Amino acid sequence: MQAGLLRKVAILQKRDDIQDATGAQVVTWTTLASTRAYIEPLRGQKGLDAQVINAEVSHQITLRFMPIFKKPLEVAKMRLLSGDRTFIIHASINKDERNREITLLATEGLNDG
């Protein structure tokens, strides 16, 4: 991966469901890490391939691998913030399973839970 491509600051967050004083469920987001990312919209064949995983996938986000990416089912419960943009993560791909680079398939949009 070329370091020069990782131009965007990205904040990874995980969803936490807690109860407030009245016992109601409240969704909060906990920041797990701040890193650099390459964010690209999907077009053409790449977009069609990604939509096999999820019909809403609109972006591919590439990051350096971190230990928080070891459990793909947990990654799918995260979101990524970059500037004023929010990306809902649907799937993660550990390129060549070498724990060096991770690709996230995501949808851009608001997600409060």
PDB file of N, CA and C in Angstrom:
ATOM      1  N   MET A   1       0.850  -1.163   0.000  1.00  0.00           N
ATOM      2  CA  MET A   1       0.000   0.000   0.000  1.00  0.00           C
ATOM      3  C   MET A   1       0.904   1.237   0.000  1.00  0.00           C
ATOM      4  N   GLN A   2       0.563   2.199  -0.810  1.00  0.00           N
ATOM      5  CA  GLN A   2       1.326   3.441  -0.858  1.00  0.00           C
ATOM      6  C   GLN A   2       0.849   4.378   0.239  1.00  0.00           C
ATOM      7  N   ALA A   3       1.779   4.815   1.078  1.00  0.00           N
ATOM      8  CA  ALA A   3       1.416   5.684   2.197  1.00  0.00           C
ATOM      9  C   ALA A   3       0.790   6.984   1.718  1.00  0.00           C
ATOM     10  N   GLY A   4       1.173   7.460   0.551  1.00  0.00           N
ATOM     11  CA  GLY A   4       0.643   8.715   0.025  1.00  0.00           C
ATOM     12  C   GLY A   4      -0.848   8.679  -0.262  1.00  0.00           C
ATOM     13  N   LEU A   5      -1.406   7.498  -0.433  1.00  0.00           N
ATOM     14  CA  LEU A   5      -2.847   7.384  -0.683  1.00  0.00           C
ATOM     15  C   LEU A   5      -3.679   7.601   0.580  1.00  0.00           C
ATOM     16  N   LEU A   6      -3.079   7.382   1.737  1.00  0.00           N
ATOM     17  CA  LEU A   6      -3.807   7.469   3.009  1.00  0.00           C
ATOM     18  C   LEU A   6      -3.890   8.934   3.443  1.00  0.00           C
ATOM     19  N   ARG A   7      -4.697   9.717   2.713  1.00  0.00           N
ATOM     20  CA  ARG A   7      -4.762  11.161   2.918  1.00  0.00           C
ATOM     21  C   ARG A   7      -5.840  11.604   3.892  1.00  0.00           C
ATOM     22  N   LYS A   8      -6.822  10.784   4.130  1.00  0.00           N
ATOM     23  CA  LYS A   8      -7.955  11.181   4.967  1.00  0.00           C
ATOM     24  C   LYS A   8      -7.763  10.734   6.409  1.00  0.00           C
ATOM     25  N   VAL A   9      -8.112  11.603   7.333  1.00  0.00           N
ATOM     26  CA  VAL A   9      -8.131  11.212   8.745  1.00  0.00           C
ATOM     27  C   VAL A   9      -9.426  10.444   8.977  1.00  0.00           C
ATOM     28  N   ALA A  10      -9.319   9.289   9.610  1.00  0.00           N
ATOM     29  CA  ALA A  10     -10.482   8.437   9.838  1.00  0.00           C
ATOM     30  C   ALA A  10     -10.575   8.071  11.314  1.00  0.00           C
ATOM     31  N   ILE A  11     -11.776   8.140  11.842  1.00  0.00           N
ATOM     32  CA  ILE A  11     -12.032   7.766  13.230  1.00  0.00           C
ATOM     33  C   ILE A  11     -12.958   6.559  13.217  1.00  0.00           C
ATOM     34  N   LEU A  12     -12.492   5.467  13.818  1.00  0.00           N
ATOM     35  CA  LEU A  12     -13.308   4.258  13.920  1.00  0.00           C
ATOM     36  C   LEU A  12     -14.060   4.266  15.238  1.00  0.00           C
ATOM     37  N   GLN A  13     -15.353   3.980  15.150  1.00  0.00           N
ATOM     38  CA  GLN A  13     -16.191   3.941  16.352  1.00  0.00           C
ATOM     39  C   GLN A  13     -16.969   2.643  16.399  1.00  0.00           C
ATOM     40  N   LYS A  14     -17.251   2.190  17.634  1.00  0.00           N
ATOM     41  CA  LYS A  14     -18.083   1.003  17.815  1.00  0.00           C
ATOM     42  C   LYS A  14     -19.352   1.403  18.563  1.00  0.00           C
ATOM     43  N   ARG A  15     -20.402   0.701  18.238  1.00  0.00           N
ATOM     44  CA  ARG A  15     -21.710   0.982  18.832  1.00  0.00           C
ATOM     45  C   ARG A  15     -21.806   0.349  20.211  1.00  0.00           C
ATOM     46  N   ASP A  16     -22.328   1.134  21.151  1.00  0.00           N
ATOM     47  CA  ASP A  16     -22.599   0.639  22.499  1.00  0.00           C
ATOM     48  C   ASP A  16     -24.050   0.970  22.837  1.00  0.00           C
ATOM     49  N   ASP A  17     -24.782  -0.021  23.294  1.00  0.00           N
ATOM     50  CA  ASP A  17     -26.161   0.197  23.747  1.00  0.00           C
ATOM     51  C   ASP A  17     -26.142   0.228  25.268  1.00  0.00           C
ATOM     52  N   ILE A  18     -26.565   1.344  25.830  1.00  0.00           N
ATOM     53  CA  ILE A  18     -26.605   1.480  27.284  1.00  0.00           C
ATOM     54  C   ILE A  18     -28.004   1.875  27.704  1.00  0.00           C
ATOM     55  N   GLN A  19     -28.274   1.758  28.995  1.00  0.00           N
ATOM     56  CA  GLN A  19     -29.578   2.168  29.523  1.00  0.00           C
ATOM     57  C   GLN A  19     -29.424   3.493  30.247  1.00  0.00           C
ATOM     58  N   ASP A  20     -30.385   4.387  30.012  1.00  0.00           N
ATOM     59  CA  ASP A  20     -30.352   5.657  30.733  1.00  0.00           C
ATOM     60  C   ASP A  20     -31.039   5.480  32.089  1.00  0.00           C
ATOM     61  N   ALA A  21     -31.197   6.567  32.817  1.00  0.00           N
ATOM     62  CA  ALA A  21     -31.768   6.515  34.173  1.00  0.00           C
ATOM     63  C   ALA A  21     -33.189   5.965  34.198  1.00  0.00           C
ATOM     64  N   THR A  22     -33.915   6.111  33.080  1.00  0.00           N
ATOM     65  CA  THR A  22     -35.289   5.613  33.036  1.00  0.00           C
ATOM     66  C   THR A  22     -35.376   4.174  32.545  1.00  0.00           C
ATOM     67  N   GLY A  23     -34.229   3.600  32.169  1.00  0.00           N
ATOM     68  CA  GLY A  23     -34.210   2.217  31.695  1.00  0.00           C
ATOM     69  C   GLY A  23     -34.338   2.083  30.193  1.00  0.00           C
ATOM     70  N   ALA A  24     -34.434   3.182  29.485  1.00  0.00           N
ATOM     71  CA  ALA A  24     -34.560   3.141  28.030  1.00  0.00           C
ATOM     72  C   ALA A  24     -33.185   2.877  27.392  1.00  0.00           C
ATOM     73  N   GLN A  25     -33.201   2.167  26.275  1.00  0.00           N
ATOM     74  CA  GLN A  25     -31.964   1.891  25.544  1.00  0.00           C
ATOM     75  C   GLN A  25     -31.499   3.161  24.828  1.00  0.00           C
ATOM     76  N   VAL A  26     -30.232   3.480  24.979  1.00  0.00           N
ATOM     77  CA  VAL A  26     -29.640   4.640  24.318  1.00  0.00           C
ATOM     78  C   VAL A  26     -28.421   4.161  23.543  1.00  0.00           C
ATOM     79  N   VAL A  27     -28.321   4.575  22.289  1.00  0.00           N
ATOM     80  CA  VAL A  27     -27.186   4.202  21.457  1.00  0.00           C
ATOM     81  C   VAL A  27     -26.097   5.257  21.619  1.00  0.00           C
ATOM     82  N   THR A  28     -24.891   4.807  21.941  1.00  0.00           N
ATOM     83  CA  THR A  28     -23.735   5.695  22.002  1.00  0.00           C
ATOM     84  C   THR A  28     -22.634   5.094  21.129  1.00  0.00           C
ATOM     85  N   TRP A  29     -21.706   5.915  20.710  1.00  0.00           N
ATOM     86  CA  TRP A  29     -20.590   5.470  19.884  1.00  0.00           C
ATOM     87  C   TRP A  29     -19.301   5.753  20.620  1.00  0.00           C
ATOM     88  N   THR A  30     -18.463   4.736  20.765  1.00  0.00           N
ATOM     89  CA  THR A  30     -17.178   4.847  21.438  1.00  0.00           C
ATOM     90  C   THR A  30     -16.072   4.859  20.393  1.00  0.00           C
ATOM     91  N   THR A  31     -15.172   5.826  20.490  1.00  0.00           N
ATOM     92  CA  THR A  31     -14.058   5.902  19.555  1.00  0.00           C
ATOM     93  C   THR A  31     -13.016   4.844  19.909  1.00  0.00           C
ATOM     94  N   LEU A  32     -12.648   4.035  18.903  1.00  0.00           N
ATOM     95  CA  LEU A  32     -11.660   2.976  19.085  1.00  0.00           C
ATOM     96  C   LEU A  32     -10.273   3.401  18.621  1.00  0.00           C
ATOM     97  N   ALA A  33     -10.224   4.146  17.520  1.00  0.00           N
ATOM     98  CA  ALA A  33      -8.930   4.517  16.958  1.00  0.00           C
ATOM     99  C   ALA A  33      -9.083   5.678  15.989  1.00  0.00           C
ATOM    100  N   SER A  34      -8.008   6.408  15.846  1.00  0.00           N
ATOM    101  CA  SER A  34      -7.896   7.436  14.821  1.00  0.00           C
ATOM    102  C   SER A  34      -6.740   7.029  13.923  1.00  0.00           C
ATOM    103  N   THR A  35      -6.953   7.043  12.615  1.00  0.00           N
ATOM    104  CA  THR A  35      -5.948   6.561  11.681  1.00  0.00           C
ATOM    105  C   THR A  35      -6.057   7.322  10.367  1.00  0.00           C
ATOM    106  N   ARG A  36      -5.323   6.909   9.372  1.00  0.00           N
ATOM    107  CA  ARG A  36      -5.363   7.498   8.040  1.00  0.00           C
ATOM    108  C   ARG A  36      -6.007   6.484   7.099  1.00  0.00           C
ATOM    109  N   ALA A  37      -6.734   6.979   6.088  1.00  0.00           N
ATOM    110  CA  ALA A  37      -7.464   6.084   5.195  1.00  0.00           C
ATOM    111  C   ALA A  37      -7.478   6.608   3.764  1.00  0.00           C
ATOM    112  N   TYR A  38      -7.687   5.677   2.850  1.00  0.00           N
ATOM    113  CA  TYR A  38      -7.934   5.993   1.449  1.00  0.00           C
ATOM    114  C   TYR A  38      -9.388   5.634   1.189  1.00  0.00           C
ATOM    115  N   ILE A  39     -10.191   6.627   0.830  1.00  0.00           N
ATOM    116  CA  ILE A  39     -11.624   6.429   0.624  1.00  0.00           C
ATOM    117  C   ILE A  39     -11.923   6.627  -0.854  1.00  0.00           C
ATOM    118  N   GLU A  40     -12.535   5.602  -1.457  1.00  0.00           N
ATOM    119  CA  GLU A  40     -12.878   5.734  -2.871  1.00  0.00           C
ATOM    120  C   GLU A  40     -14.303   5.240  -3.126  1.00  0.00           C
ATOM    121  N   PRO A  41     -15.052   6.002  -3.932  1.00  0.00           N
ATOM    122  CA  PRO A  41     -16.382   5.536  -4.318  1.00  0.00           C
ATOM    123  C   PRO A  41     -16.254   4.368  -5.282  1.00  0.00           C
ATOM    124  N   LEU A  42     -17.176   3.436  -5.197  1.00  0.00           N
ATOM    125  CA  LEU A  42     -17.128   2.262  -6.067  1.00  0.00           C
ATOM    126  C   LEU A  42     -17.896   2.533  -7.348  1.00  0.00           C
ATOM    127  N   ARG A  43     -17.277   2.149  -8.440  1.00  0.00           N
ATOM    128  CA  ARG A  43     -17.914   2.293  -9.750  1.00  0.00           C
ATOM    129  C   ARG A  43     -17.663   1.025 -10.558  1.00  0.00           C
ATOM    130  N   GLY A  44     -18.424   0.852 -11.600  1.00  0.00           N
ATOM    131  CA  GLY A  44     -18.184  -0.241 -12.538  1.00  0.00           C
ATOM    132  C   GLY A  44     -18.202  -1.608 -11.896  1.00  0.00           C
ATOM    133  N   GLN A  45     -17.285  -2.466 -12.335  1.00  0.00           N
ATOM    134  CA  GLN A  45     -17.253  -3.857 -11.890  1.00  0.00           C
ATOM    135  C   GLN A  45     -16.977  -3.979 -10.397  1.00  0.00           C
ATOM    136  N   LYS A  46     -16.103  -3.114  -9.861  1.00  0.00           N
ATOM    137  CA  LYS A  46     -15.827  -3.155  -8.420  1.00  0.00           C
ATOM    138  C   LYS A  46     -17.109  -2.940  -7.635  1.00  0.00           C
ATOM    139  N   GLY A  47     -17.906  -1.996  -8.078  1.00  0.00           N
ATOM    140  CA  GLY A  47     -19.175  -1.710  -7.410  1.00  0.00           C
ATOM    141  C   GLY A  47     -20.121  -2.893  -7.484  1.00  0.00           C
ATOM    142  N   LEU A  48     -20.189  -3.536  -8.637  1.00  0.00           N
ATOM    143  CA  LEU A  48     -21.061  -4.705  -8.790  1.00  0.00           C
ATOM    144  C   LEU A  48     -20.589  -5.855  -7.910  1.00  0.00           C
ATOM    145  N   ASP A  49     -19.269  -6.068  -7.843  1.00  0.00           N
ATOM    146  CA  ASP A  49     -18.726  -7.131  -6.992  1.00  0.00           C
ATOM    147  C   ASP A  49     -19.051  -6.863  -5.526  1.00  0.00           C
ATOM    148  N   ALA A  50     -18.900  -5.621  -5.088  1.00  0.00           N
ATOM    149  CA  ALA A  50     -19.169  -5.276  -3.696  1.00  0.00           C
ATOM    150  C   ALA A  50     -20.642  -5.427  -3.367  1.00  0.00           C
ATOM    151  N   GLN A  51     -21.506  -5.157  -4.332  1.00  0.00           N
ATOM    152  CA  GLN A  51     -22.936  -5.229  -4.061  1.00  0.00           C
ATOM    153  C   GLN A  51     -23.428  -6.657  -3.909  1.00  0.00           C
ATOM    154  N   VAL A  52     -22.615  -7.635  -4.287  1.00  0.00           N
ATOM    155  CA  VAL A  52     -22.955  -9.026  -4.013  1.00  0.00           C
ATOM    156  C   VAL A  52     -22.962  -9.239  -2.506  1.00  0.00           C
ATOM    157  N   ILE A  53     -22.061  -8.542  -1.789  1.00  0.00           N
ATOM    158  CA  ILE A  53     -21.996  -8.648  -0.335  1.00  0.00           C
ATOM    159  C   ILE A  53     -23.151  -7.887   0.295  1.00  0.00           C
ATOM    160  N   ASN A  54     -23.406  -6.675  -0.174  1.00  0.00           N
ATOM    161  CA  ASN A  54     -24.481  -5.859   0.378  1.00  0.00           C
ATOM    162  C   ASN A  54     -24.942  -4.882  -0.690  1.00  0.00           C
ATOM    163  N   ALA A  55     -26.228  -4.828  -0.942  1.00  0.00           N
ATOM    164  CA  ALA A  55     -26.769  -4.007  -2.019  1.00  0.00           C
ATOM    165  C   ALA A  55     -26.523  -2.516  -1.828  1.00  0.00           C
ATOM    166  N   GLU A  56     -26.192  -2.087  -0.622  1.00  0.00           N
ATOM    167  CA  GLU A  56     -26.035  -0.666  -0.362  1.00  0.00           C
ATOM    168  C   GLU A  56     -24.589  -0.181  -0.436  1.00  0.00           C
ATOM    169  N   VAL A  57     -23.629  -1.055  -0.601  1.00  0.00           N
ATOM    170  CA  VAL A  57     -22.222  -0.671  -0.558  1.00  0.00           C
ATOM    171  C   VAL A  57     -21.921   0.381  -1.619  1.00  0.00           C
ATOM    172  N   SER A  58     -21.325   1.500  -1.187  1.00  0.00           N
ATOM    173  CA  SER A  58     -21.029   2.583  -2.114  1.00  0.00           C
ATOM    174  C   SER A  58     -19.564   3.011  -2.096  1.00  0.00           C
ATOM    175  N   HIS A  59     -18.819   2.627  -1.058  1.00  0.00           N
ATOM    176  CA  HIS A  59     -17.428   3.054  -0.925  1.00  0.00           C
ATOM    177  C   HIS A  59     -16.535   1.901  -0.460  1.00  0.00           C
ATOM    178  N   GLN A  60     -15.284   1.995  -0.880  1.00  0.00           N
ATOM    179  CA  GLN A  60     -14.246   1.079  -0.420  1.00  0.00           C
ATOM    180  C   GLN A  60     -13.224   1.926   0.330  1.00  0.00           C
ATOM    181  N   ILE A  61     -12.908   1.521   1.553  1.00  0.00           N
ATOM    182  CA  ILE A  61     -12.001   2.286   2.406  1.00  0.00           C
ATOM    183  C   ILE A  61     -10.821   1.387   2.764  1.00  0.00           C
ATOM    184  N   THR A  62      -9.610   1.875   2.473  1.00  0.00           N
ATOM    185  CA  THR A  62      -8.406   1.100   2.736  1.00  0.00           C
ATOM    186  C   THR A  62      -7.640   1.735   3.888  1.00  0.00           C
ATOM    187  N   LEU A  63      -7.235   0.886   4.837  1.00  0.00           N
ATOM    188  CA  LEU A  63      -6.492   1.332   6.019  1.00  0.00           C
ATOM    189  C   LEU A  63      -5.356   0.358   6.301  1.00  0.00           C
ATOM    190  N   ARG A  64      -4.433   0.783   7.127  1.00  0.00           N
ATOM    191  CA  ARG A  64      -3.436  -0.160   7.635  1.00  0.00           C
ATOM    192  C   ARG A  64      -4.130  -1.067   8.652  1.00  0.00           C
ATOM    193  N   PHE A  65      -3.698  -2.317   8.714  1.00  0.00           N
ATOM    194  CA  PHE A  65      -4.301  -3.279   9.627  1.00  0.00           C
ATOM    195  C   PHE A  65      -4.022  -2.890  11.080  1.00  0.00           C
ATOM    196  N   MET A  66      -5.021  -3.066  11.924  1.00  0.00           N
ATOM    197  CA  MET A  66      -4.899  -2.881  13.371  1.00  0.00           C
ATOM    198  C   MET A  66      -5.535  -4.095  14.046  1.00  0.00           C
ATOM    199  N   PRO A  67      -5.150  -4.416  15.280  1.00  0.00           N
ATOM    200  CA  PRO A  67      -5.724  -5.580  15.976  1.00  0.00           C
ATOM    201  C   PRO A  67      -7.257  -5.547  16.082  1.00  0.00           C
ATOM    202  N   ILE A  68      -7.869  -4.356  16.080  1.00  0.00           N
ATOM    203  CA  ILE A  68      -9.333  -4.306  16.190  1.00  0.00           C
ATOM    204  C   ILE A  68     -10.034  -4.906  14.972  1.00  0.00           C
ATOM    205  N   PHE A  69      -9.292  -5.180  13.893  1.00  0.00           N
ATOM    206  CA  PHE A  69      -9.873  -5.765  12.685  1.00  0.00           C
ATOM    207  C   PHE A  69      -9.806  -7.278  12.668  1.00  0.00           C
ATOM    208  N   LYS A  70      -9.350  -7.915  13.724  1.00  0.00           N
ATOM    209  CA  LYS A  70      -9.184  -9.373  13.736  1.00  0.00           C
ATOM    210  C   LYS A  70     -10.504 -10.130  13.696  1.00  0.00           C
ATOM    211  N   LYS A  71     -11.592  -9.515  14.159  1.00  0.00           N
ATOM    212  CA  LYS A  71     -12.893 -10.187  14.184  1.00  0.00           C
ATOM    213  C   LYS A  71     -13.843  -9.480  13.214  1.00  0.00           C
ATOM    214  N   PRO A  72     -14.013 -10.040  12.002  1.00  0.00           N
ATOM    215  CA  PRO A  72     -14.835  -9.388  10.988  1.00  0.00           C
ATOM    216  C   PRO A  72     -16.275  -9.093  11.425  1.00  0.00           C
ATOM    217  N   LEU A  73     -16.854  -9.949  12.260  1.00  0.00           N
ATOM    218  CA  LEU A  73     -18.228  -9.692  12.707  1.00  0.00           C
ATOM    219  C   LEU A  73     -18.292  -8.466  13.614  1.00  0.00           C
ATOM    220  N   GLU A  74     -17.247  -8.211  14.373  1.00  0.00           N
ATOM    221  CA  GLU A  74     -17.195  -7.013  15.210  1.00  0.00           C
ATOM    222  C   GLU A  74     -16.975  -5.764  14.356  1.00  0.00           C
ATOM    223  N   VAL A  75     -16.178  -5.896  13.306  1.00  0.00           N
ATOM    224  CA  VAL A  75     -15.924  -4.759  12.405  1.00  0.00           C
ATOM    225  C   VAL A  75     -17.223  -4.313  11.739  1.00  0.00           C
ATOM    226  N   ALA A  76     -18.082  -5.264  11.424  1.00  0.00           N
ATOM    227  CA  ALA A  76     -19.356  -4.928  10.771  1.00  0.00           C
ATOM    228  C   ALA A  76     -20.304  -4.159  11.690  1.00  0.00           C
ATOM    229  N   LYS A  77     -19.976  -4.031  12.967  1.00  0.00           N
ATOM    230  CA  LYS A  77     -20.785  -3.249  13.910  1.00  0.00           C
ATOM    231  C   LYS A  77     -20.192  -1.855  14.121  1.00  0.00           C
ATOM    232  N   MET A  78     -19.170  -1.520  13.341  1.00  0.00           N
ATOM    233  CA  MET A  78     -18.498  -0.235  13.508  1.00  0.00           C
ATOM    234  C   MET A  78     -18.946   0.765  12.446  1.00  0.00           C
ATOM    235  N   ARG A  79     -18.525   2.000  12.669  1.00  0.00           N
ATOM    236  CA  ARG A  79     -18.677   3.019  11.651  1.00  0.00           C
ATOM    237  C   ARG A  79     -17.373   3.808  11.588  1.00  0.00           C
ATOM    238  N   LEU A  80     -17.200   4.527  10.494  1.00  0.00           N
ATOM    239  CA  LEU A  80     -15.992   5.312  10.298  1.00  0.00           C
ATOM    240  C   LEU A  80     -16.390   6.747  10.007  1.00  0.00           C
ATOM    241  N   LEU A  81     -15.756   7.674  10.690  1.00  0.00           N
ATOM    242  CA  LEU A  81     -15.998   9.094  10.464  1.00  0.00           C
ATOM    243  C   LEU A  81     -14.776   9.688   9.779  1.00  0.00           C
ATOM    244  N   SER A  82     -15.025  10.533   8.786  1.00  0.00           N
ATOM    245  CA  SER A  82     -13.946  11.242   8.109  1.00  0.00           C
ATOM    246  C   SER A  82     -14.467  12.634   7.783  1.00  0.00           C
ATOM    247  N   GLY A  83     -13.953  13.625   8.493  1.00  0.00           N
ATOM    248  CA  GLY A  83     -14.485  14.977   8.337  1.00  0.00           C
ATOM    249  C   GLY A  83     -15.929  15.000   8.776  1.00  0.00           C
ATOM    250  N   ASP A  84     -16.812  15.501   7.916  1.00  0.00           N
ATOM    251  CA  ASP A  84     -18.234  15.526   8.245  1.00  0.00           C
ATOM    252  C   ASP A  84     -18.985  14.352   7.607  1.00  0.00           C
ATOM    253  N   ARG A  85     -18.247  13.348   7.161  1.00  0.00           N
ATOM    254  CA  ARG A  85     -18.846  12.179   6.513  1.00  0.00           C
ATOM    255  C   ARG A  85     -18.881  10.998   7.485  1.00  0.00           C
ATOM    256  N   THR A  86     -19.955  10.204   7.379  1.00  0.00           N
ATOM    257  CA  THR A  86     -20.120   9.001   8.185  1.00  0.00           C
ATOM    258  C   THR A  86     -20.261   7.810   7.244  1.00  0.00           C
ATOM    259  N   PHE A  87     -19.498   6.756   7.502  1.00  0.00           N
ATOM    260  CA  PHE A  87     -19.564   5.540   6.695  1.00  0.00           C
ATOM    261  C   PHE A  87     -19.973   4.375   7.586  1.00  0.00           C
ATOM    262  N   ILE A  88     -21.018   3.674   7.186  1.00  0.00           N
ATOM    263  CA  ILE A  88     -21.480   2.491   7.895  1.00  0.00           C
ATOM    264  C   ILE A  88     -20.754   1.293   7.283  1.00  0.00           C
ATOM    265  N   ILE A  89     -20.034   0.544   8.094  1.00  0.00           N
ATOM    266  CA  ILE A  89     -19.218  -0.573   7.605  1.00  0.00           C
ATOM    267  C   ILE A  89     -20.077  -1.829   7.498  1.00  0.00           C
ATOM    268  N   HIS A  90     -20.005  -2.487   6.335  1.00  0.00           N
ATOM    269  CA  HIS A  90     -20.762  -3.719   6.113  1.00  0.00           C
ATOM    270  C   HIS A  90     -19.881  -4.951   6.129  1.00  0.00           C
ATOM    271  N   ALA A  91     -18.641  -4.814   5.663  1.00  0.00           N
ATOM    272  CA  ALA A  91     -17.745  -5.973   5.585  1.00  0.00           C
ATOM    273  C   ALA A  91     -16.298  -5.495   5.608  1.00  0.00           C
ATOM    274  N   SER A  92     -15.410  -6.410   5.987  1.00  0.00           N
ATOM    275  CA  SER A  92     -13.974  -6.102   5.974  1.00  0.00           C
ATOM    276  C   SER A  92     -13.232  -7.226   5.273  1.00  0.00           C
ATOM    277  N   ILE A  93     -12.183  -6.849   4.557  1.00  0.00           N
ATOM    278  CA  ILE A  93     -11.379  -7.820   3.826  1.00  0.00           C
ATOM    279  C   ILE A  93      -9.926  -7.616   4.227  1.00  0.00           C
ATOM    280  N   ASN A  94      -9.316  -8.650   4.791  1.00  0.00           N
ATOM    281  CA  ASN A  94      -7.906  -8.635   5.188  1.00  0.00           C
ATOM    282  C   ASN A  94      -7.112  -9.080   3.962  1.00  0.00           C
ATOM    283  N   LYS A  95      -6.537  -8.112   3.235  1.00  0.00           N
ATOM    284  CA  LYS A  95      -5.885  -8.401   1.960  1.00  0.00           C
ATOM    285  C   LYS A  95      -4.802  -9.462   2.132  1.00  0.00           C
ATOM    286  N   ASP A  96      -4.943 -10.547   1.374  1.00  0.00           N
ATOM    287  CA  ASP A  96      -4.026 -11.684   1.391  1.00  0.00           C
ATOM    288  C   ASP A  96      -3.852 -12.291   2.788  1.00  0.00           C
ATOM    289  N   GLU A  97      -4.714 -11.923   3.728  1.00  0.00           N
ATOM    290  CA  GLU A  97      -4.660 -12.399   5.115  1.00  0.00           C
ATOM    291  C   GLU A  97      -3.266 -12.258   5.711  1.00  0.00           C
ATOM    292  N   ARG A  98      -2.635 -11.114   5.401  1.00  0.00           N
ATOM    293  CA  ARG A  98      -1.283 -10.851   5.885  1.00  0.00           C
ATOM    294  C   ARG A  98      -1.265  -9.864   7.048  1.00  0.00           C
ATOM    295  N   ASN A  99      -2.426  -9.383   7.479  1.00  0.00           N
ATOM    296  CA  ASN A  99      -2.533  -8.418   8.581  1.00  0.00           C
ATOM    297  C   ASN A  99      -1.698  -7.165   8.337  1.00  0.00           C
ATOM    298  N   ARG A 100      -1.745  -6.674   7.093  1.00  0.00           N
ATOM    299  CA  ARG A 100      -1.027  -5.448   6.752  1.00  0.00           C
ATOM    300  C   ARG A 100      -1.979  -4.366   6.257  1.00  0.00           C
ATOM    301  N   GLU A 101      -3.001  -4.784   5.553  1.00  0.00           N
ATOM    302  CA  GLU A 101      -3.924  -3.850   4.927  1.00  0.00           C
ATOM    303  C   GLU A 101      -5.337  -4.390   5.064  1.00  0.00           C
ATOM    304  N   ILE A 102      -6.284  -3.514   5.361  1.00  0.00           N
ATOM    305  CA  ILE A 102      -7.680  -3.922   5.496  1.00  0.00           C
ATOM    306  C   ILE A 102      -8.526  -3.071   4.553  1.00  0.00           C
ATOM    307  N   THR A 103      -9.473  -3.688   3.904  1.00  0.00           N
ATOM    308  CA  THR A 103     -10.403  -2.980   3.036  1.00  0.00           C
ATOM    309  C   THR A 103     -11.787  -3.089   3.644  1.00  0.00           C
ATOM    310  N   LEU A 104     -12.425  -1.964   3.836  1.00  0.00           N
ATOM    311  CA  LEU A 104     -13.773  -1.926   4.382  1.00  0.00           C
ATOM    312  C   LEU A 104     -14.748  -1.593   3.263  1.00  0.00           C
ATOM    313  N   LEU A 105     -15.837  -2.336   3.190  1.00  0.00           N
ATOM    314  CA  LEU A 105     -16.912  -2.026   2.257  1.00  0.00           C
ATOM    315  C   LEU A 105     -17.983  -1.318   3.065  1.00  0.00           C
ATOM    316  N   ALA A 106     -18.349  -0.125   2.617  1.00  0.00           N
ATOM    317  CA  ALA A 106     -19.201   0.727   3.447  1.00  0.00           C
ATOM    318  C   ALA A 106     -20.207   1.513   2.615  1.00  0.00           C
ATOM    319  N   THR A 107     -21.179   2.063   3.321  1.00  0.00           N
ATOM    320  CA  THR A 107     -22.177   2.953   2.749  1.00  0.00           C
ATOM    321  C   THR A 107     -22.032   4.305   3.421  1.00  0.00           C
ATOM    322  N   GLU A 108     -22.078   5.354   2.631  1.00  0.00           N
ATOM    323  CA  GLU A 108     -22.004   6.689   3.215  1.00  0.00           C
ATOM    324  C   GLU A 108     -23.406   7.128   3.629  1.00  0.00           C
ATOM    325  N   GLY A 109     -23.493   7.696   4.806  1.00  0.00           N
ATOM    326  CA  GLY A 109     -24.776   8.200   5.277  1.00  0.00           C
ATOM    327  C   GLY A 109     -24.802   8.322   6.778  1.00  0.00           C
ATOM    328  N   LEU A 110     -25.846   8.925   7.269  1.00  0.00           N
ATOM    329  CA  LEU A 110     -25.987   9.098   8.722  1.00  0.00           C
ATOM    330  C   LEU A 110     -26.346   7.781   9.363  1.00  0.00           C
ATOM    331  N   ASN A 111     -25.784   7.551  10.540  1.00  0.00           N
ATOM    332  CA  ASN A 111     -26.132   6.336  11.279  1.00  0.00           C
ATOM    333  C   ASN A 111     -26.012   6.624  12.768  1.00  0.00           C
ATOM    334  N   ASP A 112     -27.144   6.797  13.411  1.00  0.00           N
ATOM    335  CA  ASP A 112     -27.148   6.988  14.861  1.00  0.00           C
ATOM    336  C   ASP A 112     -27.445   5.692  15.574  1.00  0.00           C
ATOM    337  N   GLY A 113     -27.502   4.624  14.842  1.00  0.00           N
ATOM    338  CA  GLY A 113     -27.746   3.354  15.473  1.00  0.00           C
ATOM    339  C   GLY A 113     -28.646   2.539  14.653  1.00  0.00           C
TER     340      GLY A 113
END
